[in-house]
Protein backbone atom coordinates (compact mmCIF):
# COMPACT_ATOMS: atom_id res chain seq x y z
CA UNK A 1 33.23 -8.78 55.85
CA UNK A 2 30.02 -10.78 55.50
CA UNK A 3 28.53 -8.16 53.15
CA UNK A 4 31.69 -8.22 51.07
CA UNK A 5 31.58 -12.03 50.79
CA UNK A 6 27.91 -11.96 49.72
CA UNK A 7 28.69 -9.31 47.09
CA UNK A 8 31.63 -11.37 45.81
CA UNK A 9 29.54 -14.54 45.55
CA UNK A 10 26.83 -12.63 43.70
CA UNK A 11 29.39 -11.25 41.27
CA UNK A 12 30.85 -14.71 40.61
CA UNK A 13 27.36 -16.11 40.06
CA UNK A 14 26.48 -13.28 37.66
CA UNK A 15 29.72 -13.78 35.73
CA UNK A 16 29.12 -17.54 35.40
CA UNK A 17 25.55 -16.90 34.26
CA UNK A 18 26.72 -14.42 31.63
CA UNK A 19 29.35 -16.88 30.35
CA UNK A 20 26.76 -19.66 29.91
CA UNK A 21 24.26 -17.16 28.51
CA UNK A 22 26.60 -16.21 25.66
CA UNK A 23 26.17 -19.63 24.07
CA UNK A 24 23.87 -21.20 21.50
CA UNK A 25 22.27 -24.61 21.93
CA UNK A 26 21.44 -26.95 19.05
CA UNK A 27 18.92 -29.78 19.54
CA UNK A 28 18.26 -32.70 17.17
CA UNK A 29 14.54 -33.54 17.03
CA UNK A 30 14.20 -37.22 16.16
CA UNK A 31 10.49 -37.19 15.24
CA UNK A 32 10.44 -33.62 13.94
CA UNK A 33 13.19 -34.01 11.30
CA UNK A 34 14.62 -30.72 12.49
CA UNK A 35 17.24 -28.97 14.60
CA UNK A 36 16.08 -26.42 17.17
CA UNK A 37 18.34 -23.42 17.77
CA UNK A 38 18.08 -22.00 21.31
CA UNK A 39 19.64 -18.82 22.66
CA UNK A 40 21.12 -19.63 26.06
CA UNK A 41 20.88 -16.04 27.31
CA UNK A 42 17.13 -15.71 26.85
CA UNK A 43 16.57 -19.48 27.12
CA UNK A 44 14.21 -19.28 24.14
CA UNK A 45 14.18 -20.95 20.71
CA UNK A 46 15.28 -18.60 17.91
CA UNK A 47 15.12 -20.87 14.83
CA UNK A 48 14.16 -24.30 13.53
CA UNK A 49 16.20 -25.85 10.74
CA UNK A 50 14.77 -28.66 8.57
CA UNK A 51 17.10 -31.64 8.21
CA UNK A 52 16.95 -35.25 7.03
CA UNK A 53 14.94 -38.13 8.41
CA UNK A 54 15.21 -39.13 12.07
CA UNK A 55 18.07 -36.88 13.22
CA UNK A 56 19.84 -38.22 16.30
CA UNK A 57 23.54 -37.69 17.03
CA UNK A 58 24.56 -34.03 16.84
CA UNK A 59 27.88 -32.23 17.34
CA UNK A 60 29.76 -29.07 16.40
CA UNK A 61 32.89 -29.14 14.26
CA UNK A 62 36.15 -28.52 16.08
CA UNK A 63 36.54 -25.16 14.31
CA UNK A 64 32.98 -24.16 15.30
CA UNK A 65 31.83 -23.48 11.73
CA UNK A 66 29.52 -26.43 11.18
CA UNK A 67 26.90 -28.60 12.83
CA UNK A 68 26.97 -32.32 12.07
CA UNK A 69 23.81 -34.37 12.55
CA UNK A 70 23.06 -38.05 11.90
CA UNK A 71 20.09 -38.23 9.52
CA UNK A 72 19.54 -41.89 10.30
CA UNK A 73 16.72 -42.60 7.85
CA UNK A 74 18.69 -40.93 5.04
CA UNK A 75 21.85 -42.96 5.83
CA UNK A 76 23.94 -39.81 5.96
CA UNK A 77 25.63 -37.38 8.30
CA UNK A 78 24.50 -33.93 7.28
CA UNK A 79 26.89 -30.99 7.40
CA UNK A 80 25.14 -27.72 8.28
CA UNK A 81 26.53 -24.20 7.97
CA UNK A 82 26.10 -22.61 11.42
CA UNK A 83 25.79 -19.13 9.95
CA UNK A 84 22.88 -19.97 7.61
CA UNK A 85 21.34 -23.17 8.98
CA UNK A 86 21.55 -24.71 5.50
CA UNK A 87 22.59 -28.31 4.82
CA UNK A 88 25.67 -28.00 2.61
CA UNK A 89 26.63 -31.67 2.30
CA UNK A 90 25.43 -35.21 2.94
CA UNK A 91 28.49 -37.12 4.11
CA UNK A 92 28.78 -40.86 3.26
CA UNK A 93 28.25 -42.34 6.70
CA UNK A 94 27.11 -45.89 5.99
CA UNK A 95 23.74 -47.36 6.94
CA UNK A 96 21.65 -45.94 9.81
CA UNK A 97 24.16 -43.64 11.54
CA UNK A 98 23.16 -42.94 15.13
CA UNK A 99 26.11 -41.40 16.97
CA UNK A 100 29.51 -40.10 15.94
CA UNK A 101 32.61 -38.42 17.32
CA UNK A 102 34.55 -35.60 15.59
CA UNK A 103 38.21 -36.59 15.77
CA UNK A 104 40.31 -34.52 18.13
CA UNK A 105 42.38 -33.13 15.24
CA UNK A 106 39.19 -31.99 13.50
CA UNK A 107 39.91 -33.94 10.30
CA UNK A 108 37.62 -36.97 10.61
CA UNK A 109 34.18 -37.98 11.80
CA UNK A 110 33.96 -41.42 13.42
CA UNK A 111 30.44 -42.72 12.77
CA UNK A 112 28.68 -45.80 14.20
CA UNK A 113 26.55 -47.56 11.55
CA UNK A 114 23.83 -49.42 13.42
CA UNK A 115 22.50 -51.53 10.52
CA UNK A 116 25.76 -52.80 9.02
CA UNK A 117 27.86 -53.25 12.19
CA UNK A 118 30.68 -50.96 11.15
CA UNK A 119 32.58 -47.88 12.17
CA UNK A 120 32.98 -45.43 9.28
CA UNK A 121 35.65 -42.71 9.35
CA UNK A 122 34.75 -39.77 7.10
CA UNK A 123 37.36 -37.31 5.82
CA UNK A 124 35.63 -33.96 6.39
CA UNK A 125 37.70 -31.95 3.89
CA UNK A 126 37.20 -34.33 0.94
CA UNK A 127 33.79 -35.56 2.16
CA UNK A 128 34.78 -39.15 1.41
CA UNK A 129 35.18 -42.35 3.43
CA UNK A 130 38.70 -42.59 4.85
CA UNK A 131 38.35 -46.13 6.23
CA UNK A 132 35.89 -48.59 7.79
CA UNK A 133 36.24 -51.11 10.62
CA UNK A 134 33.87 -54.02 11.29
CA UNK A 135 32.58 -53.98 14.86
CA UNK A 136 29.92 -55.73 16.98
CA UNK A 137 26.23 -55.69 16.13
CA UNK A 138 24.18 -52.52 16.69
CA UNK A 139 27.06 -50.11 17.30
CA UNK A 140 26.01 -46.79 18.83
CA UNK A 141 28.26 -44.88 21.22
CA UNK A 142 31.62 -43.67 19.89
CA UNK A 143 34.58 -41.90 21.54
CA UNK A 144 38.25 -41.24 20.84
CA UNK A 145 40.76 -41.32 23.69
CA UNK A 146 42.46 -38.00 24.55
CA UNK A 147 45.84 -39.34 23.39
CA UNK A 148 44.42 -40.41 20.00
CA UNK A 149 45.41 -44.03 20.53
CA UNK A 150 41.99 -45.63 20.94
CA UNK A 151 38.62 -45.42 19.32
CA UNK A 152 35.85 -47.19 21.24
CA UNK A 153 32.45 -48.22 19.89
CA UNK A 154 29.61 -49.78 21.88
CA UNK A 155 27.84 -52.88 20.58
CA UNK A 156 24.31 -52.87 22.02
CA UNK A 157 23.40 -56.30 20.71
CA UNK A 158 26.55 -58.06 21.92
CA UNK A 159 26.84 -56.18 25.24
CA UNK A 160 30.41 -55.10 24.72
CA UNK A 161 32.70 -52.19 23.95
CA UNK A 162 34.92 -52.62 20.89
CA UNK A 163 38.45 -51.19 21.20
CA UNK A 164 39.96 -50.03 17.89
CA UNK A 165 43.69 -49.29 17.67
CA UNK A 166 43.84 -46.13 15.55
CA UNK A 167 47.45 -46.76 14.53
CA UNK A 168 46.44 -50.00 12.76
CA UNK A 169 42.74 -49.22 12.22
CA UNK A 170 41.87 -52.66 13.58
CA UNK A 171 39.62 -53.84 16.40
CA UNK A 172 41.74 -55.53 19.05
CA UNK A 173 39.20 -56.43 21.74
CA UNK A 174 35.52 -56.73 22.55
CA UNK A 175 35.22 -55.92 26.27
CA UNK A 176 32.05 -57.32 27.96
CA UNK A 177 29.71 -54.81 29.63
CA UNK A 178 26.27 -54.72 31.22
CA UNK A 179 23.25 -54.94 28.91
CA UNK A 180 22.91 -52.58 25.93
CA UNK A 181 25.79 -50.11 26.27
CA UNK A 182 24.56 -46.88 24.66
CA UNK A 183 27.19 -44.22 25.25
CA UNK A 184 30.87 -43.89 26.17
CA UNK A 185 33.02 -41.02 27.46
CA UNK A 186 36.73 -40.87 28.34
CA UNK A 187 37.78 -38.90 31.39
CA UNK A 188 39.95 -35.86 30.65
CA UNK A 189 43.17 -37.60 31.71
CA UNK A 190 42.36 -40.55 29.44
CA UNK A 191 42.70 -43.04 32.27
CA UNK A 192 39.08 -44.16 32.47
CA UNK A 193 36.25 -44.95 30.09
CA UNK A 194 32.71 -44.42 31.42
CA UNK A 195 30.03 -46.61 29.79
CA UNK A 196 26.27 -46.13 30.05
CA UNK A 197 24.49 -49.50 29.95
CA UNK A 198 20.83 -48.75 29.23
CA UNK A 199 19.11 -52.05 30.09
CA UNK A 200 21.70 -52.89 32.73
CA UNK A 201 20.70 -49.67 34.50
CA UNK A 202 24.33 -48.86 35.27
CA UNK A 203 27.35 -46.79 34.39
CA UNK A 204 30.48 -48.92 34.29
CA UNK A 205 34.03 -47.59 34.54
CA UNK A 206 36.85 -49.29 32.63
CA UNK A 207 40.57 -48.85 33.22
CA UNK A 208 42.05 -47.86 29.85
CA UNK A 209 45.42 -49.56 30.43
CA UNK A 210 43.97 -52.96 31.32
CA UNK A 211 40.71 -52.55 29.35
CA UNK A 212 38.83 -54.07 32.31
CA UNK A 213 35.74 -52.90 34.21
CA UNK A 214 36.88 -51.65 37.62
CA UNK A 215 33.62 -50.27 39.03
CA UNK A 216 29.88 -50.27 38.42
CA UNK A 217 27.68 -47.34 39.49
CA UNK A 218 24.00 -48.01 40.20
CA UNK A 219 21.24 -45.45 40.48
CA UNK A 220 18.21 -45.13 42.77
CA UNK A 221 16.37 -41.85 42.13
CA UNK A 222 13.73 -41.30 44.85
CA UNK A 223 10.29 -42.53 43.86
CA UNK A 224 11.44 -44.02 40.54
CA UNK A 225 10.96 -47.71 39.69
CA UNK A 226 14.14 -49.59 38.80
CA UNK A 227 13.00 -50.55 35.29
CA UNK A 228 12.67 -46.88 34.33
CA UNK A 229 16.34 -46.16 35.11
CA UNK A 230 17.90 -46.33 31.63
CA UNK A 231 21.32 -44.62 31.56
CA UNK A 232 22.24 -43.11 28.22
CA UNK A 233 24.09 -39.81 27.75
CA UNK A 234 27.12 -38.96 29.90
CA UNK A 235 28.99 -35.66 29.95
CA UNK A 236 31.79 -34.41 32.21
CA UNK A 237 32.02 -30.84 33.44
CA UNK A 238 35.03 -28.93 32.02
CA UNK A 239 36.93 -29.27 35.31
CA UNK A 240 36.53 -33.05 35.12
CA UNK A 241 35.08 -33.27 38.61
CA UNK A 242 31.44 -34.12 37.88
CA UNK A 243 29.79 -36.59 35.52
CA UNK A 244 26.23 -35.79 34.48
CA UNK A 245 24.25 -38.88 33.49
CA UNK A 246 20.89 -38.94 31.69
CA UNK A 247 18.67 -41.70 33.12
CA UNK A 248 16.12 -42.05 30.30
CA UNK A 249 12.55 -42.81 31.30
CA UNK A 250 13.37 -42.10 34.94
CA UNK A 251 13.02 -38.44 33.85
CA UNK A 252 16.03 -37.62 36.00
CA UNK A 253 19.70 -36.79 35.60
CA UNK A 254 22.31 -37.92 38.12
CA UNK A 255 25.31 -35.87 39.22
CA UNK A 256 28.26 -38.12 40.03
CA UNK A 257 31.49 -37.14 41.77
CA UNK A 258 34.22 -38.47 39.47
CA UNK A 259 36.83 -38.90 42.23
CA UNK A 260 34.61 -40.90 44.60
CA UNK A 261 32.27 -42.31 41.92
CA UNK A 262 29.31 -41.53 44.16
CA UNK A 263 26.01 -39.93 43.16
CA UNK A 264 25.78 -36.50 44.79
CA UNK A 265 22.36 -35.45 43.50
CA UNK A 266 19.38 -36.42 41.37
CA UNK A 267 17.64 -33.69 39.38
CA UNK A 268 14.14 -34.26 37.92
CA UNK A 269 13.95 -32.98 34.33
CA UNK A 270 11.62 -33.50 31.34
CA UNK A 271 10.27 -36.82 30.08
CA UNK A 272 12.66 -39.44 28.68
CA UNK A 273 15.92 -37.55 28.99
CA UNK A 274 18.27 -39.14 26.48
CA UNK A 275 21.34 -36.98 25.86
CA UNK A 276 22.72 -33.73 27.21
CA UNK A 277 25.46 -31.14 26.92
CA UNK A 278 27.33 -28.93 29.39
CA UNK A 279 27.88 -25.18 29.08
CA UNK A 280 31.44 -24.07 28.40
CA UNK A 281 31.85 -22.69 31.92
CA UNK A 282 30.47 -25.85 33.53
CA UNK A 283 27.59 -24.14 35.32
CA UNK A 284 24.68 -25.59 33.34
CA UNK A 285 23.49 -28.83 31.77
CA UNK A 286 21.06 -28.88 28.85
CA UNK A 287 18.99 -32.05 28.53
CA UNK A 288 17.09 -33.36 25.49
CA UNK A 289 13.72 -34.65 26.70
CA UNK A 290 12.27 -36.91 24.02
CA UNK A 291 8.71 -37.34 25.28
CA UNK A 292 8.00 -33.85 26.61
CA UNK A 293 9.45 -32.17 23.48
CA UNK A 294 11.58 -29.74 25.45
CA UNK A 295 14.98 -28.98 26.93
CA UNK A 296 15.65 -28.65 30.66
CA UNK A 297 18.25 -26.07 31.70
CA UNK A 298 19.89 -27.28 34.92
CA UNK A 299 21.92 -25.16 37.34
CA UNK A 300 24.55 -27.73 38.33
CA UNK A 301 25.70 -25.99 41.53
CA UNK A 302 22.14 -25.76 42.83
CA UNK A 303 21.14 -29.12 41.30
CA UNK A 304 17.83 -27.76 40.02
CA UNK A 305 16.06 -26.88 36.77
CA UNK A 306 16.04 -23.13 36.14
CA UNK A 307 14.18 -23.15 32.81
CA UNK A 308 12.27 -25.42 30.43
CA UNK A 309 12.58 -24.51 26.75
CA UNK A 310 10.30 -25.88 24.01
CA UNK A 311 12.02 -27.78 21.20
CA UNK A 312 10.76 -29.84 18.25
CA UNK A 313 9.24 -33.31 18.27
CA UNK A 314 11.31 -35.92 20.06
CA UNK A 315 14.51 -34.13 21.15
CA UNK A 316 17.34 -36.67 21.06
CA UNK A 317 20.68 -34.88 21.39
CA UNK A 318 22.14 -31.48 22.18
CA UNK A 319 25.31 -29.56 21.33
CA UNK A 320 26.37 -26.19 22.70
CA UNK A 321 28.85 -23.61 21.44
CA UNK A 322 29.82 -19.92 21.93
């Protein structure tokens, strides 16, 4: 019986590894003006694509055909053909785009414009601006609620999250947060909004119905000074059970149990981990390490790095797809 159990566990582990290994990882390199393409099976870079100035936010279109990347210095979101790696369009994003969110229906891109305090919605098919909403100063993180009712945008300068009613395309509330909120993620059920406050050193959880903060999570990685703990990227595993939080210059990611809201593990990764992505099967995290110019591949079950992959200069964000 024991031998059979060991064989079964090995088979499950091998299957999970093969699922994650079938993917491709895309990394925006902020100082390198490029996107690194990494094969998840070999955990090696296979291509480098030149893009516009200071690429930061990066995501894959809902249909999987394109990569979108914020070319912040060029004031555009660039649309890249995944098959060729060629930029096929510069979308009109507004000034200094940093992060964006592809709408859940795949028709729009919601882009935060850091310099002109606005949220720009781009119609992907026509490559034109669909609408704009004024928001707080230095907007960065963007997310759409699973039910399509809310669009939220962080205002770093004003220490708040702006709630936009998508039915009216109007901002209805600026909810106070800890200092410099950088990133936001809705839980799968849409009931909670998780907010990474960089200078506050916290992740705050808001109840979506009341639009109030209900809990604040603090972090204490062993041997790391408090001022280096700078939460930024947050991603949930596909089963919704674990939140993976990038802690910036702490050079660590935190694994948080979503149900209990407790940190279950800290994993040391590369230098200045800013954003991350999760493999489709939920077994791995891929972290963009901006000062060590690499990507850490983390086995989430074991809570340890299993590979370090070179990227371009200043990795900022990652996106993963089959």
